[in-house]
Amino acid sequence: MRNKQAFFHLSFYYMHSLFLFLNLTLCFLPLTLATVVPDFNHVERCKDSLYMGTPPRGFTDIGLKKICQRYADRPRYVTLYDPKKRIPVYSAYSFKKTEGDRRVDYPWMYEPQLAETDGNGNMLPFPTGYLHMKFEDSQAVLDDYSDVVLYERGHLNPDQHQSTPHDRAATYTLTNVVPEIREFNIGPWREYEERIRVRLNNFCRGTAYIVTGVTTRGFKYCILRIEKNKNTLKLQ
């Protein structure tokens, strides 16, 4: 009788443990798939883009969104994003040795989970037609950078600092770019990115962690939509 009772208690213990495990799995599974997260450490390998897994500190705005930039079912780098201004605050990534050629055949993408919680967590190419109106309130869209003269798309994590096709493709999301004056983007800034690439290629023997962001003092940039199909760069 004691053996039967022991078996019953043991079976109940395993069933109870299995029930708890399944419930915990169901609770934590969305966090492993999600791209917009409460903490970069909540997603496997997401913190690998940060030195010692530690993000920059001092950002207190509760409206900022932490994005684990996920492409082809794998985290590539991280971005702190401001959906109100529709620009990233910073992107943090690990440098990969590369020849420095710039690809132009990757499609521009957006982050679905800034607007909704479904999906597999991957960034997606912009849809055709007017489907972008579903998420244009939460992030920049292609129309924000079309038919403008003053500025163009400036990468925070540039494709020239990545080596594999997937890592490079993942840099082509509008959550990784800011409005940048064209002369500065193709001039001093490109030279600076190239100088960093060459030095790290030649002299870095370990992993180089880079954080690139926009200024939080002086002029602040945001994408201001005045009318439909009409955009401008606002200085405030």
C-alpha atoms as a PDB file:
ATOM      1  CA  MET A   1       0.000   0.000   0.000  1.00  0.00           C
ATOM      2  CA  ARG A   2       2.827   2.323   0.865  1.00  0.00           C
ATOM      3  CA  ASN A   3       4.421   1.629  -2.508  1.00  0.00           C
ATOM      4  CA  LYS A   4       1.168   2.528  -4.255  1.00  0.00           C
ATOM      5  CA  GLN A   5       0.872   5.718  -2.204  1.00  0.00           C
ATOM      6  CA  ALA A   6       4.484   6.592  -2.935  1.00  0.00           C
ATOM      7  CA  PHE A   7       3.930   5.949  -6.640  1.00  0.00           C
ATOM      8  CA  PHE A   8       0.795   8.102  -6.570  1.00  0.00           C
ATOM      9  CA  HIS A   9       2.566  10.967  -4.810  1.00  0.00           C
ATOM     10  CA  LEU A  10       5.538  10.639  -7.152  1.00  0.00           C
ATOM     11  CA  SER A  11       3.279  10.572 -10.210  1.00  0.00           C
ATOM     12  CA  PHE A  12       1.341  13.570  -8.929  1.00  0.00           C
ATOM     13  CA  TYR A  13       4.622  15.390  -8.321  1.00  0.00           C
ATOM     14  CA  TYR A  14       5.799  14.773 -11.883  1.00  0.00           C
ATOM     15  CA  MET A  15       2.416  15.691 -13.347  1.00  0.00           C
ATOM     16  CA  HIS A  16       2.325  18.865 -11.248  1.00  0.00           C
ATOM     17  CA  SER A  17       5.896  19.722 -12.274  1.00  0.00           C
ATOM     18  CA  LEU A  18       5.088  19.047 -15.923  1.00  0.00           C
ATOM     19  CA  PHE A  19       2.005  21.270 -15.661  1.00  0.00           C
ATOM     20  CA  LEU A  20       4.082  24.083 -14.172  1.00  0.00           C
ATOM     21  CA  PHE A  21       6.764  23.597 -16.822  1.00  0.00           C
ATOM     22  CA  LEU A  22       4.232  23.737 -19.658  1.00  0.00           C
ATOM     23  CA  ASN A  23       2.655  26.852 -18.202  1.00  0.00           C
ATOM     24  CA  LEU A  24       6.025  28.516 -17.750  1.00  0.00           C
ATOM     25  CA  THR A  25       6.926  27.541 -21.311  1.00  0.00           C
ATOM     26  CA  LEU A  26       3.740  29.086 -22.634  1.00  0.00           C
ATOM     27  CA  CYS A  27       4.418  32.214 -20.606  1.00  0.00           C
ATOM     28  CA  PHE A  28       7.974  32.643 -21.783  1.00  0.00           C
ATOM     29  CA  LEU A  29       7.644  31.453 -25.373  1.00  0.00           C
ATOM     30  CA  PRO A  30       6.326  34.803 -26.711  1.00  0.00           C
ATOM     31  CA  LEU A  31       9.341  36.533 -25.211  1.00  0.00           C
ATOM     32  CA  THR A  32      11.710  34.379 -27.244  1.00  0.00           C
ATOM     33  CA  LEU A  33       9.847  35.242 -30.428  1.00  0.00           C
ATOM     34  CA  ALA A  34       9.015  38.865 -29.791  1.00  0.00           C
ATOM     35  CA  THR A  35      11.143  41.612 -31.243  1.00  0.00           C
ATOM     36  CA  VAL A  36       9.894  44.563 -29.196  1.00  0.00           C
ATOM     37  CA  VAL A  37      10.867  43.574 -25.665  1.00  0.00           C
ATOM     38  CA  PRO A  38      10.858  45.036 -22.141  1.00  0.00           C
ATOM     39  CA  ASP A  39      14.508  44.043 -21.740  1.00  0.00           C
ATOM     40  CA  PHE A  40      17.191  43.061 -24.263  1.00  0.00           C
ATOM     41  CA  ASN A  41      18.140  40.137 -22.005  1.00  0.00           C
ATOM     42  CA  HIS A  42      14.702  38.559 -22.483  1.00  0.00           C
ATOM     43  CA  VAL A  43      15.528  37.325 -25.970  1.00  0.00           C
ATOM     44  CA  GLU A  44      18.116  34.637 -26.552  1.00  0.00           C
ATOM     45  CA  ARG A  45      21.327  36.015 -28.091  1.00  0.00           C
ATOM     46  CA  CYS A  46      19.860  39.515 -28.306  1.00  0.00           C
ATOM     47  CA  LYS A  47      22.276  40.811 -25.667  1.00  0.00           C
ATOM     48  CA  ASP A  48      25.216  39.449 -27.700  1.00  0.00           C
ATOM     49  CA  SER A  49      25.223  42.776 -29.551  1.00  0.00           C
ATOM     50  CA  LEU A  50      26.004  44.613 -26.300  1.00  0.00           C
ATOM     51  CA  TYR A  51      29.324  44.728 -24.486  1.00  0.00           C
ATOM     52  CA  MET A  52      28.944  42.443 -21.447  1.00  0.00           C
ATOM     53  CA  GLY A  53      25.237  42.327 -22.281  1.00  0.00           C
ATOM     54  CA  THR A  54      24.771  45.836 -20.887  1.00  0.00           C
ATOM     55  CA  PRO A  55      22.814  48.479 -22.856  1.00  0.00           C
ATOM     56  CA  PRO A  56      23.532  52.223 -22.610  1.00  0.00           C
ATOM     57  CA  ARG A  57      21.927  53.827 -19.570  1.00  0.00           C
ATOM     58  CA  GLY A  58      20.220  57.099 -18.814  1.00  0.00           C
ATOM     59  CA  PHE A  59      17.197  56.839 -21.108  1.00  0.00           C
ATOM     60  CA  THR A  60      14.151  57.427 -18.925  1.00  0.00           C
ATOM     61  CA  ASP A  61      11.411  58.081 -21.483  1.00  0.00           C
ATOM     62  CA  ILE A  62       8.863  55.294 -20.958  1.00  0.00           C
ATOM     63  CA  GLY A  63       7.676  55.687 -24.549  1.00  0.00           C
ATOM     64  CA  LEU A  64      10.951  54.395 -26.013  1.00  0.00           C
ATOM     65  CA  LYS A  65      10.838  50.866 -27.449  1.00  0.00           C
ATOM     66  CA  LYS A  66      13.568  48.241 -27.194  1.00  0.00           C
ATOM     67  CA  ILE A  67      13.859  46.357 -30.478  1.00  0.00           C
ATOM     68  CA  CYS A  68      15.818  43.171 -30.871  1.00  0.00           C
ATOM     69  CA  GLN A  69      16.360  43.451 -34.617  1.00  0.00           C
ATOM     70  CA  ARG A  70      15.448  39.988 -35.831  1.00  0.00           C
ATOM     71  CA  TYR A  71      15.942  38.802 -39.405  1.00  0.00           C
ATOM     72  CA  ALA A  72      15.599  35.252 -40.784  1.00  0.00           C
ATOM     73  CA  ASP A  73      14.649  33.985 -37.307  1.00  0.00           C
ATOM     74  CA  ARG A  74      17.812  35.251 -35.634  1.00  0.00           C
ATOM     75  CA  PRO A  75      18.603  38.388 -33.589  1.00  0.00           C
ATOM     76  CA  ARG A  76      21.122  40.581 -35.452  1.00  0.00           C
ATOM     77  CA  TYR A  77      21.522  43.726 -33.292  1.00  0.00           C
ATOM     78  CA  VAL A  78      19.499  45.938 -30.956  1.00  0.00           C
ATOM     79  CA  THR A  79      17.863  49.348 -31.331  1.00  0.00           C
ATOM     80  CA  LEU A  80      16.262  51.772 -28.911  1.00  0.00           C
ATOM     81  CA  TYR A  81      13.456  53.385 -30.884  1.00  0.00           C
ATOM     82  CA  ASP A  82      11.327  56.497 -30.411  1.00  0.00           C
ATOM     83  CA  PRO A  83       7.922  55.836 -32.041  1.00  0.00           C
ATOM     84  CA  LYS A  84       6.798  59.387 -31.309  1.00  0.00           C
ATOM     85  CA  LYS A  85       9.616  60.954 -33.360  1.00  0.00           C
ATOM     86  CA  ARG A  86       9.767  57.909 -35.671  1.00  0.00           C
ATOM     87  CA  ILE A  87      13.536  57.642 -35.406  1.00  0.00           C
ATOM     88  CA  PRO A  88      15.948  55.393 -33.491  1.00  0.00           C
ATOM     89  CA  VAL A  89      17.786  56.747 -30.466  1.00  0.00           C
ATOM     90  CA  TYR A  90      20.669  54.315 -31.005  1.00  0.00           C
ATOM     91  CA  SER A  91      21.573  50.984 -32.569  1.00  0.00           C
ATOM     92  CA  ALA A  92      24.116  48.703 -30.894  1.00  0.00           C
ATOM     93  CA  TYR A  93      25.902  45.980 -32.831  1.00  0.00           C
ATOM     94  CA  SER A  94      29.036  43.882 -33.022  1.00  0.00           C
ATOM     95  CA  PHE A  95      31.398  44.648 -35.891  1.00  0.00           C
ATOM     96  CA  LYS A  96      32.120  41.923 -38.464  1.00  0.00           C
ATOM     97  CA  LYS A  97      35.134  42.051 -40.764  1.00  0.00           C
ATOM     98  CA  THR A  98      34.147  43.037 -44.280  1.00  0.00           C
ATOM     99  CA  GLU A  99      35.569  44.391 -47.521  1.00  0.00           C
ATOM    100  CA  GLY A 100      33.414  47.489 -47.165  1.00  0.00           C
ATOM    101  CA  ASP A 101      31.344  47.217 -50.330  1.00  0.00           C
ATOM    102  CA  ARG A 102      27.864  48.671 -50.020  1.00  0.00           C
ATOM    103  CA  ARG A 103      24.870  46.640 -51.185  1.00  0.00           C
ATOM    104  CA  VAL A 104      21.884  48.409 -52.676  1.00  0.00           C
ATOM    105  CA  ASP A 105      19.674  45.472 -53.653  1.00  0.00           C
ATOM    106  CA  TYR A 106      18.189  44.710 -50.233  1.00  0.00           C
ATOM    107  CA  PRO A 107      14.552  45.724 -49.692  1.00  0.00           C
ATOM    108  CA  TRP A 108      13.711  48.281 -47.029  1.00  0.00           C
ATOM    109  CA  MET A 109      11.881  46.772 -44.079  1.00  0.00           C
ATOM    110  CA  TYR A 110       9.784  47.754 -41.082  1.00  0.00           C
ATOM    111  CA  GLU A 111       9.116  46.391 -37.585  1.00  0.00           C
ATOM    112  CA  PRO A 112       5.595  44.853 -37.393  1.00  0.00           C
ATOM    113  CA  GLN A 113       5.603  44.519 -33.619  1.00  0.00           C
ATOM    114  CA  LEU A 114       5.801  48.236 -33.055  1.00  0.00           C
ATOM    115  CA  ALA A 115       2.183  48.290 -34.230  1.00  0.00           C
ATOM    116  CA  GLU A 116       0.903  44.808 -33.382  1.00  0.00           C
ATOM    117  CA  THR A 117       1.884  41.787 -31.333  1.00  0.00           C
ATOM    118  CA  ASP A 118       1.310  38.966 -33.802  1.00  0.00           C
ATOM    119  CA  GLY A 119       3.786  37.569 -36.291  1.00  0.00           C
ATOM    120  CA  ASN A 120       7.036  35.677 -35.793  1.00  0.00           C
ATOM    121  CA  GLY A 121       9.108  38.624 -34.608  1.00  0.00           C
ATOM    122  CA  ASN A 122      11.054  39.112 -37.847  1.00  0.00           C
ATOM    123  CA  MET A 123      11.344  42.452 -39.623  1.00  0.00           C
ATOM    124  CA  LEU A 124       9.436  42.436 -42.916  1.00  0.00           C
ATOM    125  CA  PRO A 125       9.711  44.184 -46.300  1.00  0.00           C
ATOM    126  CA  PHE A 126       7.313  47.076 -46.762  1.00  0.00           C
ATOM    127  CA  PRO A 127       4.025  45.987 -48.352  1.00  0.00           C
ATOM    128  CA  THR A 128       2.795  47.473 -51.588  1.00  0.00           C
ATOM    129  CA  GLY A 129      -0.147  49.812 -51.837  1.00  0.00           C
ATOM    130  CA  TYR A 130      -1.562  51.486 -48.762  1.00  0.00           C
ATOM    131  CA  LEU A 131      -1.099  48.677 -46.251  1.00  0.00           C
ATOM    132  CA  HIS A 132       1.667  50.707 -44.576  1.00  0.00           C
ATOM    133  CA  MET A 133      -1.049  52.971 -43.171  1.00  0.00           C
ATOM    134  CA  LYS A 134      -1.621  50.297 -40.539  1.00  0.00           C
ATOM    135  CA  PHE A 135       1.669  51.041 -38.833  1.00  0.00           C
ATOM    136  CA  GLU A 136       2.729  54.509 -39.995  1.00  0.00           C
ATOM    137  CA  ASP A 137       1.741  55.994 -36.613  1.00  0.00           C
ATOM    138  CA  SER A 138       4.326  53.868 -34.815  1.00  0.00           C
ATOM    139  CA  GLN A 139       7.362  54.196 -37.120  1.00  0.00           C
ATOM    140  CA  ALA A 140       8.775  55.767 -40.255  1.00  0.00           C
ATOM    141  CA  VAL A 141       7.558  54.515 -43.637  1.00  0.00           C
ATOM    142  CA  LEU A 142       8.931  54.803 -47.167  1.00  0.00           C
ATOM    143  CA  ASP A 143       6.831  57.890 -47.901  1.00  0.00           C
ATOM    144  CA  ASP A 144       8.735  59.753 -45.191  1.00  0.00           C
ATOM    145  CA  TYR A 145      11.901  59.516 -47.291  1.00  0.00           C
ATOM    146  CA  SER A 146      10.431  59.935 -50.765  1.00  0.00           C
ATOM    147  CA  ASP A 147      10.331  63.199 -52.718  1.00  0.00           C
ATOM    148  CA  VAL A 148      12.519  64.987 -50.172  1.00  0.00           C
ATOM    149  CA  VAL A 149      15.620  67.036 -50.897  1.00  0.00           C
ATOM    150  CA  LEU A 150      16.947  68.081 -47.510  1.00  0.00           C
ATOM    151  CA  TYR A 151      17.718  64.655 -46.073  1.00  0.00           C
ATOM    152  CA  GLU A 152      18.044  60.953 -46.840  1.00  0.00           C
ATOM    153  CA  ARG A 153      18.269  57.659 -44.956  1.00  0.00           C
ATOM    154  CA  GLY A 154      21.334  57.441 -42.759  1.00  0.00           C
ATOM    155  CA  HIS A 155      22.247  54.074 -41.203  1.00  0.00           C
ATOM    156  CA  LEU A 156      23.193  53.754 -37.552  1.00  0.00           C
ATOM    157  CA  ASN A 157      24.321  50.163 -38.054  1.00  0.00           C
ATOM    158  CA  PRO A 158      25.787  50.352 -41.594  1.00  0.00           C
ATOM    159  CA  ASP A 159      25.866  47.364 -43.909  1.00  0.00           C
ATOM    160  CA  GLN A 160      29.607  47.933 -44.467  1.00  0.00           C
ATOM    161  CA  HIS A 161      30.192  46.892 -40.837  1.00  0.00           C
ATOM    162  CA  GLN A 162      28.515  43.499 -41.377  1.00  0.00           C
ATOM    163  CA  SER A 163      29.725  40.522 -43.396  1.00  0.00           C
ATOM    164  CA  THR A 164      27.056  37.861 -43.945  1.00  0.00           C
ATOM    165  CA  PRO A 165      24.164  38.508 -46.349  1.00  0.00           C
ATOM    166  CA  HIS A 166      21.593  38.155 -43.558  1.00  0.00           C
ATOM    167  CA  ASP A 167      23.428  40.489 -41.187  1.00  0.00           C
ATOM    168  CA  ARG A 168      23.742  43.060 -43.941  1.00  0.00           C
ATOM    169  CA  ALA A 169      20.122  42.737 -45.029  1.00  0.00           C
ATOM    170  CA  ALA A 170      19.020  43.323 -41.430  1.00  0.00           C
ATOM    171  CA  THR A 171      20.501  46.834 -41.489  1.00  0.00           C
ATOM    172  CA  TYR A 172      17.954  47.874 -44.123  1.00  0.00           C
ATOM    173  CA  THR A 173      15.091  48.627 -41.776  1.00  0.00           C
ATOM    174  CA  LEU A 174      13.790  52.155 -41.247  1.00  0.00           C
ATOM    175  CA  THR A 175      14.028  51.540 -37.510  1.00  0.00           C
ATOM    176  CA  ASN A 176      17.822  51.612 -38.023  1.00  0.00           C
ATOM    177  CA  VAL A 177      18.038  54.889 -39.968  1.00  0.00           C
ATOM    178  CA  VAL A 178      17.674  58.580 -39.187  1.00  0.00           C
ATOM    179  CA  PRO A 179      17.064  61.575 -41.466  1.00  0.00           C
ATOM    180  CA  GLU A 180      20.569  62.675 -42.460  1.00  0.00           C
ATOM    181  CA  ILE A 181      21.602  65.619 -44.604  1.00  0.00           C
ATOM    182  CA  ARG A 182      22.796  64.135 -47.900  1.00  0.00           C
ATOM    183  CA  GLU A 183      26.100  66.037 -48.087  1.00  0.00           C
ATOM    184  CA  PHE A 184      26.983  64.849 -44.595  1.00  0.00           C
ATOM    185  CA  ASN A 185      25.856  61.277 -45.218  1.00  0.00           C
ATOM    186  CA  ILE A 186      27.904  60.756 -48.402  1.00  0.00           C
ATOM    187  CA  GLY A 187      30.788  62.905 -47.156  1.00  0.00           C
ATOM    188  CA  PRO A 188      32.182  63.082 -43.599  1.00  0.00           C
ATOM    189  CA  TRP A 189      29.936  60.388 -42.147  1.00  0.00           C
ATOM    190  CA  ARG A 190      30.755  57.805 -44.816  1.00  0.00           C
ATOM    191  CA  GLU A 191      34.456  58.572 -44.416  1.00  0.00           C
ATOM    192  CA  TYR A 192      34.128  58.076 -40.663  1.00  0.00           C
ATOM    193  CA  GLU A 193      32.377  54.715 -41.086  1.00  0.00           C
ATOM    194  CA  GLU A 194      35.082  53.609 -43.517  1.00  0.00           C
ATOM    195  CA  ARG A 195      37.878  54.698 -41.179  1.00  0.00           C
ATOM    196  CA  ILE A 196      36.356  52.668 -38.360  1.00  0.00           C
ATOM    197  CA  ARG A 197      35.961  49.644 -40.639  1.00  0.00           C
ATOM    198  CA  VAL A 198      39.588  49.710 -41.784  1.00  0.00           C
ATOM    199  CA  ARG A 199      40.998  50.148 -38.281  1.00  0.00           C
ATOM    200  CA  LEU A 200      38.899  47.372 -36.783  1.00  0.00           C
ATOM    201  CA  ASN A 201      39.689  45.069 -39.702  1.00  0.00           C
ATOM    202  CA  ASN A 202      43.417  45.619 -39.263  1.00  0.00           C
ATOM    203  CA  PHE A 203      43.894  45.968 -35.522  1.00  0.00           C
ATOM    204  CA  CYS A 204      40.965  44.431 -33.620  1.00  0.00           C
ATOM    205  CA  ARG A 205      41.675  40.853 -32.524  1.00  0.00           C
ATOM    206  CA  GLY A 206      38.550  40.393 -30.421  1.00  0.00           C
ATOM    207  CA  THR A 207      34.925  41.444 -30.755  1.00  0.00           C
ATOM    208  CA  ALA A 208      34.272  45.147 -31.285  1.00  0.00           C
ATOM    209  CA  TYR A 209      31.001  46.479 -29.885  1.00  0.00           C
ATOM    210  CA  ILE A 210      29.671  49.703 -31.394  1.00  0.00           C
ATOM    211  CA  VAL A 211      26.822  51.978 -30.319  1.00  0.00           C
ATOM    212  CA  THR A 212      25.730  54.684 -32.775  1.00  0.00           C
ATOM    213  CA  GLY A 213      22.982  57.153 -31.963  1.00  0.00           C
ATOM    214  CA  VAL A 214      21.581  60.623 -32.421  1.00  0.00           C
ATOM    215  CA  THR A 215      22.205  63.625 -30.222  1.00  0.00           C
ATOM    216  CA  THR A 216      19.866  64.346 -27.340  1.00  0.00           C
ATOM    217  CA  ARG A 217      21.037  67.933 -26.926  1.00  0.00           C
ATOM    218  CA  GLY A 218      20.731  70.999 -29.088  1.00  0.00           C
ATOM    219  CA  PHE A 219      18.712  70.348 -32.235  1.00  0.00           C
ATOM    220  CA  LYS A 220      16.507  67.279 -32.061  1.00  0.00           C
ATOM    221  CA  TYR A 221      15.355  65.630 -35.235  1.00  0.00           C
ATOM    222  CA  CYS A 222      12.023  63.992 -35.854  1.00  0.00           C
ATOM    223  CA  ILE A 223       9.912  63.176 -38.881  1.00  0.00           C
ATOM    224  CA  LEU A 224       6.943  65.522 -38.976  1.00  0.00           C
ATOM    225  CA  ARG A 225       4.064  64.709 -41.297  1.00  0.00           C
ATOM    226  CA  ILE A 226       2.346  67.954 -42.283  1.00  0.00           C
ATOM    227  CA  GLU A 227       0.003  66.568 -44.924  1.00  0.00           C
ATOM    228  CA  LYS A 228      -0.513  63.244 -46.574  1.00  0.00           C
ATOM    229  CA  ASN A 229       2.361  62.442 -48.936  1.00  0.00           C
ATOM    230  CA  LYS A 230       4.218  65.522 -47.686  1.00  0.00           C
ATOM    231  CA  ASN A 231       6.990  65.205 -45.138  1.00  0.00           C
ATOM    232  CA  THR A 232       9.617  67.428 -43.650  1.00  0.00           C
ATOM    233  CA  LEU A 233      12.456  67.271 -41.181  1.00  0.00           C
ATOM    234  CA  LYS A 234      11.595  69.165 -38.024  1.00  0.00           C
ATOM    235  CA  LEU A 235      14.173  70.816 -35.793  1.00  0.00           C
ATOM    236  CA  GLN A 236      12.945  71.393 -32.268  1.00  0.00           C
END
